[in-house]
């Protein structure tokens, strides 16, 4: 057992000791310790006992919040359906109304002790039901677990079981308002695995795909695992909107997307800021804390489109399969190959992925909409969203 693992166990056990106290008897120092030092039991007790608990690194949480905070409405309603101890919520706007769903009792207690303004529900996400309510659903759910649920999920099998990746994404789509955002960290297999094509089809039928950001295997190294992941950002589209054909048939054939679908932002992060042993791998020798995620944040303009990058033809367009099999796919695996080979590029790979067109107009109900204008989504939401 390594030094870092021993320290995790010691700190986790101290946190559990603190939780034996009554809430009013906990000091501010103990509250801060709970917030910072509890890291779950993933890789320490094994995935079965530890519920695959691998908490999201702080700078990844910050990047997601910086990306979405300016685009949320005033007093946004935010759901975290696999909350853990709330790491992903640390940088969400202070005016947010936050709901945390967490099945593990001790983590719920930490949330209640450290974040008294949150609504904390100690239930399984499979039983949560609050449709069309949230402006943002954010999460890092357990990967590829089998979950039993009584609720009638569309992807639930006849035996009452469902894959965790499918359950949490379907829950997010159900729970988000029309126009609401979904930001999930998922295994990269969500992009291509044949057994997950059902959830990709659901995404394709209900959401605009905003961004697919590939994170390398080192991302969760400090939590005890090495697996490349995808940060998938979606936006729930109004039900009233149709799918329309691309204006680039030579490149994309007869592909269709929900009206208003912008070019997908595709990013391959090749250096998360540290290696598999947790040693810093700075991209700026004068600022060790400046990472590729910081660089990406600086490169995105207000419309979430990379400046001066023409949308490229996506990989899926060359494959003889339905588009929903690859709707999320960027160049999955590129960051993994860098990490596997032990090399770290200084800059991430960034590009816009072609969908409806390179700026051509699409007419719908007498109005022309640009295929490169991100404001089209907002116009369509205001015009066609259901009055729930």
Protein backbone atom coordinates (compact mmCIF):
# COMPACT_ATOMS: atom_id res chain seq x y z
CA UNK A 1 0.00 0.00 0.00
CA UNK A 2 1.45 3.35 -1.04
CA UNK A 3 1.86 6.47 1.09
CA UNK A 4 -0.98 8.35 -0.63
CA UNK A 5 -3.40 5.45 -0.12
CA UNK A 6 -2.51 5.25 3.58
CA UNK A 7 -3.10 9.00 3.94
CA UNK A 8 -6.47 8.68 2.20
CA UNK A 9 -7.54 5.95 4.60
CA UNK A 10 -6.41 7.95 7.65
CA UNK A 11 -8.18 11.10 6.47
CA UNK A 12 -11.35 9.26 5.50
CA UNK A 13 -11.53 7.57 8.88
CA UNK A 14 -11.00 10.89 10.65
CA UNK A 15 -13.89 12.28 8.62
CA UNK A 16 -16.09 9.39 9.72
CA UNK A 17 -15.11 10.09 13.34
CA UNK A 18 -16.16 13.72 12.92
CA UNK A 19 -19.53 12.58 11.62
CA UNK A 20 -20.25 10.79 14.89
CA UNK A 21 -20.64 14.24 16.50
CA UNK A 22 -23.86 16.20 16.51
CA UNK A 23 -23.95 18.83 13.79
CA UNK A 24 -23.93 21.76 16.22
CA UNK A 25 -20.78 20.45 17.94
CA UNK A 26 -18.58 20.39 14.83
CA UNK A 27 -15.98 23.15 14.60
CA UNK A 28 -15.27 25.24 11.52
CA UNK A 29 -11.88 23.50 11.17
CA UNK A 30 -13.59 20.10 11.22
CA UNK A 31 -16.12 21.27 8.67
CA UNK A 32 -13.30 22.43 6.39
CA UNK A 33 -11.51 19.11 6.90
CA UNK A 34 -14.63 17.19 5.86
CA UNK A 35 -14.96 19.32 2.75
CA UNK A 36 -11.35 18.95 1.67
CA UNK A 37 -10.10 15.59 2.87
CA UNK A 38 -12.86 13.02 2.38
CA UNK A 39 -11.99 11.28 -0.91
CA UNK A 40 -14.24 8.21 -0.90
CA UNK A 41 -13.13 4.59 -1.00
CA UNK A 42 -12.65 4.00 -4.71
CA UNK A 43 -9.49 1.87 -5.31
CA UNK A 44 -9.04 1.58 -1.53
CA UNK A 45 -11.80 -0.90 -0.70
CA UNK A 46 -12.55 -1.90 -4.28
CA UNK A 47 -15.34 -0.73 -6.54
CA UNK A 48 -18.04 -2.97 -5.07
CA UNK A 49 -17.59 -1.74 -1.50
CA UNK A 50 -16.47 1.74 -2.54
CA UNK A 51 -19.33 2.26 -4.99
CA UNK A 52 -16.72 3.25 -7.61
CA UNK A 53 -16.09 6.51 -5.73
CA UNK A 54 -13.56 8.57 -7.64
CA UNK A 55 -14.13 12.25 -6.90
CA UNK A 56 -13.60 14.85 -9.62
CA UNK A 57 -10.31 16.83 -9.46
CA UNK A 58 -10.73 20.42 -8.33
CA UNK A 59 -9.42 22.09 -11.50
CA UNK A 60 -11.78 20.01 -13.65
CA UNK A 61 -14.70 21.12 -11.44
CA UNK A 62 -13.59 24.73 -11.83
CA UNK A 63 -13.32 24.43 -15.62
CA UNK A 64 -16.87 23.06 -15.95
CA UNK A 65 -18.30 25.82 -13.74
CA UNK A 66 -16.44 28.59 -15.57
CA UNK A 67 -17.74 27.20 -18.84
CA UNK A 68 -21.40 27.09 -17.77
CA UNK A 69 -21.93 29.72 -15.06
CA UNK A 70 -22.27 32.67 -17.48
CA UNK A 71 -24.91 30.79 -19.49
CA UNK A 72 -27.23 29.90 -16.63
CA UNK A 73 -30.22 32.09 -15.75
CA UNK A 74 -30.57 34.07 -12.53
CA UNK A 75 -31.05 31.80 -9.48
CA UNK A 76 -30.48 28.63 -11.51
CA UNK A 77 -31.79 25.29 -10.31
CA UNK A 78 -28.97 22.72 -10.30
CA UNK A 79 -29.10 18.94 -9.77
CA UNK A 80 -26.19 16.64 -8.94
CA UNK A 81 -27.65 13.08 -9.02
CA UNK A 82 -24.42 11.35 -7.92
CA UNK A 83 -23.28 14.07 -5.56
CA UNK A 84 -20.61 12.40 -3.43
CA UNK A 85 -19.45 15.24 -1.20
CA UNK A 86 -20.31 17.91 -3.78
CA UNK A 87 -16.95 18.52 -5.48
CA UNK A 88 -18.56 19.38 -8.82
CA UNK A 89 -20.69 22.02 -7.11
CA UNK A 90 -17.84 23.93 -5.44
CA UNK A 91 -17.62 26.56 -8.18
CA UNK A 92 -21.26 26.74 -9.25
CA UNK A 93 -22.75 30.20 -8.83
CA UNK A 94 -23.68 31.24 -5.30
CA UNK A 95 -27.23 32.15 -6.30
CA UNK A 96 -27.98 28.58 -7.41
CA UNK A 97 -30.67 26.41 -5.83
CA UNK A 98 -28.86 23.08 -5.50
CA UNK A 99 -30.26 19.56 -5.10
CA UNK A 100 -27.91 16.69 -4.25
CA UNK A 101 -28.93 13.04 -4.64
CA UNK A 102 -26.56 10.56 -3.00
CA UNK A 103 -27.16 6.95 -2.01
CA UNK A 104 -24.22 6.68 0.43
CA UNK A 105 -25.29 7.90 3.92
CA UNK A 106 -21.93 9.20 5.18
CA UNK A 107 -21.49 11.37 2.09
CA UNK A 108 -24.99 12.78 2.54
CA UNK A 109 -24.09 13.63 6.10
CA UNK A 110 -20.92 15.44 4.97
CA UNK A 111 -23.03 17.47 2.53
CA UNK A 112 -25.53 18.34 5.25
CA UNK A 113 -22.76 19.39 7.64
CA UNK A 114 -20.75 21.43 5.10
CA UNK A 115 -23.44 22.83 2.77
CA UNK A 116 -26.56 23.62 4.82
CA UNK A 117 -28.20 25.50 1.93
CA UNK A 118 -28.27 22.39 -0.30
CA UNK A 119 -31.28 20.10 -0.58
CA UNK A 120 -29.72 16.69 0.19
CA UNK A 121 -31.64 13.50 -0.62
CA UNK A 122 -30.30 10.17 0.62
CA UNK A 123 -31.90 8.03 -2.09
CA UNK A 124 -30.90 6.09 -5.17
CA UNK A 125 -30.80 8.17 -8.34
CA UNK A 126 -32.88 5.42 -9.92
CA UNK A 127 -35.85 6.47 -7.80
CA UNK A 128 -35.49 10.25 -8.16
CA UNK A 129 -38.25 11.94 -10.14
CA UNK A 130 -38.45 15.69 -10.73
CA UNK A 131 -38.91 16.17 -14.48
CA UNK A 132 -38.33 19.33 -16.54
CA UNK A 133 -37.14 21.31 -13.52
CA UNK A 134 -33.39 21.99 -13.61
CA UNK A 135 -31.32 24.56 -15.51
CA UNK A 136 -28.24 22.37 -15.07
CA UNK A 137 -27.72 18.69 -14.30
CA UNK A 138 -24.08 18.00 -13.53
CA UNK A 139 -22.41 14.77 -12.55
CA UNK A 140 -19.60 12.25 -12.43
CA UNK A 141 -21.71 9.11 -11.96
CA UNK A 142 -20.32 5.64 -11.25
CA UNK A 143 -19.16 4.00 -14.47
CA UNK A 144 -20.62 0.83 -15.94
CA UNK A 145 -22.38 -0.50 -12.85
CA UNK A 146 -25.59 -2.50 -12.92
CA UNK A 147 -28.33 -0.78 -10.95
CA UNK A 148 -31.67 -2.26 -9.93
CA UNK A 149 -34.60 0.13 -10.09
CA UNK A 150 -38.38 -0.02 -9.86
CA UNK A 151 -38.86 3.06 -12.01
CA UNK A 152 -39.83 2.59 -15.66
CA UNK A 153 -36.73 3.91 -17.40
CA UNK A 154 -36.86 3.60 -21.20
CA UNK A 155 -33.54 1.72 -21.25
CA UNK A 156 -34.29 -0.52 -18.27
CA UNK A 157 -34.11 -4.23 -19.02
CA UNK A 158 -36.93 -6.65 -18.30
CA UNK A 159 -35.20 -7.84 -15.12
CA UNK A 160 -35.41 -4.32 -13.67
CA UNK A 161 -31.72 -3.60 -14.16
CA UNK A 162 -30.02 -0.78 -16.06
CA UNK A 163 -26.45 0.27 -16.77
CA UNK A 164 -25.42 3.24 -14.60
CA UNK A 165 -24.19 5.29 -17.58
CA UNK A 166 -27.62 4.92 -19.22
CA UNK A 167 -29.58 5.59 -16.04
CA UNK A 168 -27.80 8.80 -15.09
CA UNK A 169 -27.92 10.26 -18.58
CA UNK A 170 -31.61 9.43 -18.98
CA UNK A 171 -32.26 10.93 -15.54
CA UNK A 172 -30.39 14.08 -16.57
CA UNK A 173 -32.40 14.43 -19.77
CA UNK A 174 -35.67 13.92 -17.89
CA UNK A 175 -34.75 16.34 -15.12
CA UNK A 176 -33.45 19.22 -17.26
CA UNK A 177 -35.73 21.99 -18.47
CA UNK A 178 -36.00 22.61 -22.18
CA UNK A 179 -32.92 24.76 -22.76
CA UNK A 180 -31.24 23.35 -19.65
CA UNK A 181 -27.64 22.12 -19.73
CA UNK A 182 -26.23 18.69 -18.91
CA UNK A 183 -22.53 18.28 -18.06
CA UNK A 184 -21.37 14.75 -17.28
CA UNK A 185 -18.02 13.02 -16.89
CA UNK A 186 -18.35 9.57 -18.45
CA UNK A 187 -16.18 6.71 -19.71
CA UNK A 188 -15.03 7.31 -23.28
CA UNK A 189 -16.97 4.19 -24.29
CA UNK A 190 -20.11 6.36 -24.20
CA UNK A 191 -18.93 7.57 -27.62
CA UNK A 192 -18.77 4.22 -29.37
CA UNK A 193 -19.72 1.15 -27.28
CA UNK A 194 -22.40 -0.83 -29.10
CA UNK A 195 -24.27 -1.71 -25.91
CA UNK A 196 -24.69 2.03 -25.17
CA UNK A 197 -26.17 2.98 -28.55
CA UNK A 198 -29.61 3.26 -26.90
CA UNK A 199 -28.53 6.20 -24.74
CA UNK A 200 -26.77 7.83 -27.71
CA UNK A 201 -30.04 7.55 -29.64
CA UNK A 202 -31.89 9.21 -26.73
CA UNK A 203 -29.34 12.05 -26.71
CA UNK A 204 -29.66 12.42 -30.48
CA UNK A 205 -33.46 12.61 -30.25
CA UNK A 206 -33.69 15.08 -27.35
CA UNK A 207 -30.54 17.22 -27.06
CA UNK A 208 -28.16 19.52 -28.83
CA UNK A 209 -24.60 18.24 -28.42
CA UNK A 210 -22.49 21.21 -27.27
CA UNK A 211 -19.05 19.80 -26.49
CA UNK A 212 -17.13 16.56 -26.28
CA UNK A 213 -13.95 16.98 -24.26
CA UNK A 214 -11.59 14.03 -23.98
CA UNK A 215 -9.62 13.87 -20.69
CA UNK A 216 -6.58 11.60 -20.39
CA UNK A 217 -6.11 8.58 -18.14
CA UNK A 218 -4.17 10.64 -15.56
CA UNK A 219 -7.26 12.73 -14.73
CA UNK A 220 -8.28 10.59 -11.75
CA UNK A 221 -4.79 9.39 -10.83
CA UNK A 222 -4.91 11.20 -7.50
CA UNK A 223 -8.16 9.40 -6.68
CA UNK A 224 -6.59 6.02 -7.31
CA UNK A 225 -7.53 5.10 -10.88
CA UNK A 226 -6.28 5.66 -14.40
CA UNK A 227 -8.97 5.72 -17.06
CA UNK A 228 -9.52 8.14 -19.94
CA UNK A 229 -12.87 9.90 -19.70
CA UNK A 230 -15.15 12.20 -21.66
CA UNK A 231 -16.69 15.44 -20.47
CA UNK A 232 -19.94 15.57 -22.42
CA UNK A 233 -21.92 18.82 -22.46
CA UNK A 234 -25.47 18.75 -23.85
CA UNK A 235 -28.44 21.10 -23.98
CA UNK A 236 -32.01 19.83 -23.89
CA UNK A 237 -33.91 20.97 -26.98
CA UNK A 238 -37.63 21.84 -27.09
CA UNK A 239 -39.78 18.86 -28.10
CA UNK A 240 -41.45 20.92 -30.81
CA UNK A 241 -38.27 21.20 -32.88
CA UNK A 242 -37.82 18.87 -35.86
CA UNK A 243 -34.67 17.28 -37.19
CA UNK A 244 -33.43 18.94 -40.37
CA UNK A 245 -30.94 17.84 -43.00
CA UNK A 246 -27.40 19.15 -43.11
CA UNK A 247 -26.50 21.80 -45.67
CA UNK A 248 -23.30 19.85 -46.47
CA UNK A 249 -24.57 16.64 -48.13
CA UNK A 250 -21.26 15.97 -49.93
CA UNK A 251 -19.48 15.62 -46.60
CA UNK A 252 -22.25 14.36 -44.33
CA UNK A 253 -24.65 12.58 -46.68
CA UNK A 254 -28.27 12.69 -45.53
CA UNK A 255 -27.41 13.35 -41.87
CA UNK A 256 -30.05 15.13 -39.79
CA UNK A 257 -29.80 17.06 -36.52
CA UNK A 258 -32.26 18.90 -34.32
CA UNK A 259 -32.81 22.39 -35.73
CA UNK A 260 -30.35 24.78 -34.08
CA UNK A 261 -27.56 22.22 -33.59
CA UNK A 262 -24.29 24.22 -33.66
CA UNK A 263 -20.85 22.85 -34.56
CA UNK A 264 -19.79 20.53 -31.74
CA UNK A 265 -16.77 21.75 -29.76
CA UNK A 266 -14.28 18.87 -29.73
CA UNK A 267 -11.23 18.98 -27.49
CA UNK A 268 -8.57 16.39 -26.68
CA UNK A 269 -6.79 17.31 -23.45
CA UNK A 270 -3.41 15.61 -23.65
CA UNK A 271 -1.97 16.82 -20.34
CA UNK A 272 -4.24 17.22 -17.30
CA UNK A 273 -1.47 18.91 -15.31
CA UNK A 274 0.11 15.89 -13.60
CA UNK A 275 1.21 12.37 -14.48
CA UNK A 276 -0.06 8.99 -13.25
CA UNK A 277 1.93 9.36 -10.04
CA UNK A 278 0.55 12.83 -9.34
CA UNK A 279 3.76 14.67 -10.28
CA UNK A 280 3.13 18.06 -11.90
CA UNK A 281 3.60 18.27 -15.68
CA UNK A 282 3.29 22.03 -16.30
CA UNK A 283 2.70 23.44 -19.78
CA UNK A 284 4.05 26.80 -18.62
CA UNK A 285 7.40 26.69 -16.80
CA UNK A 286 6.58 30.03 -15.14
CA UNK A 287 3.17 28.90 -13.83
CA UNK A 288 2.91 25.28 -12.70
CA UNK A 289 -0.79 25.64 -11.96
CA UNK A 290 -1.72 26.76 -15.49
CA UNK A 291 -3.11 23.69 -17.27
CA UNK A 292 -4.47 22.85 -20.69
CA UNK A 293 -7.98 23.35 -19.27
CA UNK A 294 -7.04 26.94 -18.40
CA UNK A 295 -5.73 27.40 -21.93
CA UNK A 296 -9.00 26.07 -23.39
CA UNK A 297 -11.05 28.44 -21.24
CA UNK A 298 -9.03 31.35 -22.58
CA UNK A 299 -9.52 30.23 -26.20
CA UNK A 300 -13.31 29.95 -26.16
CA UNK A 301 -15.14 33.12 -27.11
CA UNK A 302 -18.55 34.20 -25.81
CA UNK A 303 -20.41 32.11 -28.40
CA UNK A 304 -18.58 28.91 -27.37
CA UNK A 305 -17.06 28.55 -30.83
CA UNK A 306 -13.32 28.44 -31.41
CA UNK A 307 -12.23 31.52 -33.30
CA UNK A 308 -10.75 30.97 -36.76
CA UNK A 309 -11.34 27.20 -36.76
CA UNK A 310 -13.58 26.02 -39.61
CA UNK A 311 -15.77 23.02 -38.66
CA UNK A 312 -14.10 19.78 -39.68
CA UNK A 313 -15.75 16.71 -41.15
CA UNK A 314 -16.35 14.35 -38.21
CA UNK A 315 -15.16 10.75 -38.06
CA UNK A 316 -18.65 9.26 -37.97
CA UNK A 317 -19.47 10.65 -41.43
CA UNK A 318 -17.19 8.04 -43.02
CA UNK A 319 -18.79 5.09 -41.25
CA UNK A 320 -21.68 3.11 -42.65
CA UNK A 321 -23.83 3.22 -39.52
CA UNK A 322 -26.71 5.38 -38.21
CA UNK A 323 -25.58 8.83 -37.08
CA UNK A 324 -26.78 8.36 -33.51
CA UNK A 325 -24.14 5.66 -33.09
CA UNK A 326 -21.54 8.42 -33.22
CA UNK A 327 -23.35 11.67 -32.35
CA UNK A 328 -20.99 12.33 -29.44
CA UNK A 329 -17.79 11.17 -31.08
CA UNK A 330 -14.82 13.44 -31.54
CA UNK A 331 -11.37 11.90 -31.88
CA UNK A 332 -11.86 9.62 -28.90
CA UNK A 333 -8.70 7.84 -27.84
CA UNK A 334 -6.19 10.47 -28.97
CA UNK A 335 -5.51 11.70 -25.45
CA UNK A 336 -5.37 8.11 -24.24
CA UNK A 337 -2.69 7.27 -26.79
CA UNK A 338 -0.56 10.21 -25.66
CA UNK A 339 -0.86 9.10 -22.04
CA UNK A 340 -0.22 5.43 -22.82
CA UNK A 341 2.95 6.28 -24.72
CA UNK A 342 4.22 8.40 -21.85
CA UNK A 343 4.25 11.67 -23.79
CA UNK A 344 2.52 14.96 -23.01
CA UNK A 345 1.76 17.50 -25.70
CA UNK A 346 2.06 21.12 -24.62
CA UNK A 347 -1.26 22.16 -26.14
CA UNK A 348 -4.62 20.37 -26.46
CA UNK A 349 -6.13 19.40 -29.79
CA UNK A 350 -9.13 21.67 -30.49
CA UNK A 351 -11.56 21.81 -33.38
CA UNK A 352 -15.18 22.48 -34.29
CA UNK A 353 -17.03 19.43 -35.58
CA UNK A 354 -19.30 19.90 -38.61
CA UNK A 355 -23.03 19.27 -38.06
CA UNK A 356 -25.72 21.28 -39.89
CA UNK A 357 -23.30 23.39 -41.94
CA UNK A 358 -20.52 25.95 -42.18
CA UNK A 359 -22.75 29.01 -41.86
CA UNK A 360 -25.42 28.36 -44.48
CA UNK A 361 -28.99 29.33 -43.63
CA UNK A 362 -31.72 26.80 -42.85
CA UNK A 363 -35.34 27.89 -43.22
CA UNK A 364 -38.02 26.74 -40.78
CA UNK A 365 -41.55 28.13 -40.59
CA UNK A 366 -40.58 31.11 -42.74
CA UNK A 367 -37.50 32.10 -40.71
CA UNK A 368 -33.88 31.52 -41.73
CA UNK A 369 -31.41 30.31 -39.10
CA UNK A 370 -27.62 30.26 -39.47
CA UNK A 371 -25.90 26.92 -38.94
CA UNK A 372 -22.97 28.65 -37.20
CA UNK A 373 -24.84 31.00 -34.84
CA UNK A 374 -24.97 29.79 -31.24
CA UNK A 375 -27.71 32.31 -30.44
CA UNK A 376 -30.10 30.30 -32.62
CA UNK A 377 -30.56 27.84 -29.72
CA UNK A 378 -31.76 30.64 -27.42
CA UNK A 379 -34.15 31.98 -30.07
CA UNK A 380 -35.66 28.55 -30.64
CA UNK A 381 -35.97 27.83 -26.92
CA UNK A 382 -37.92 31.01 -26.32
CA UNK A 383 -40.19 30.36 -29.29
CA UNK A 384 -40.87 26.64 -28.98
CA UNK A 385 -40.34 25.50 -25.38
CA UNK A 386 -43.32 23.93 -23.71
CA UNK A 387 -45.12 25.91 -21.02
CA UNK A 388 -44.62 23.44 -18.17
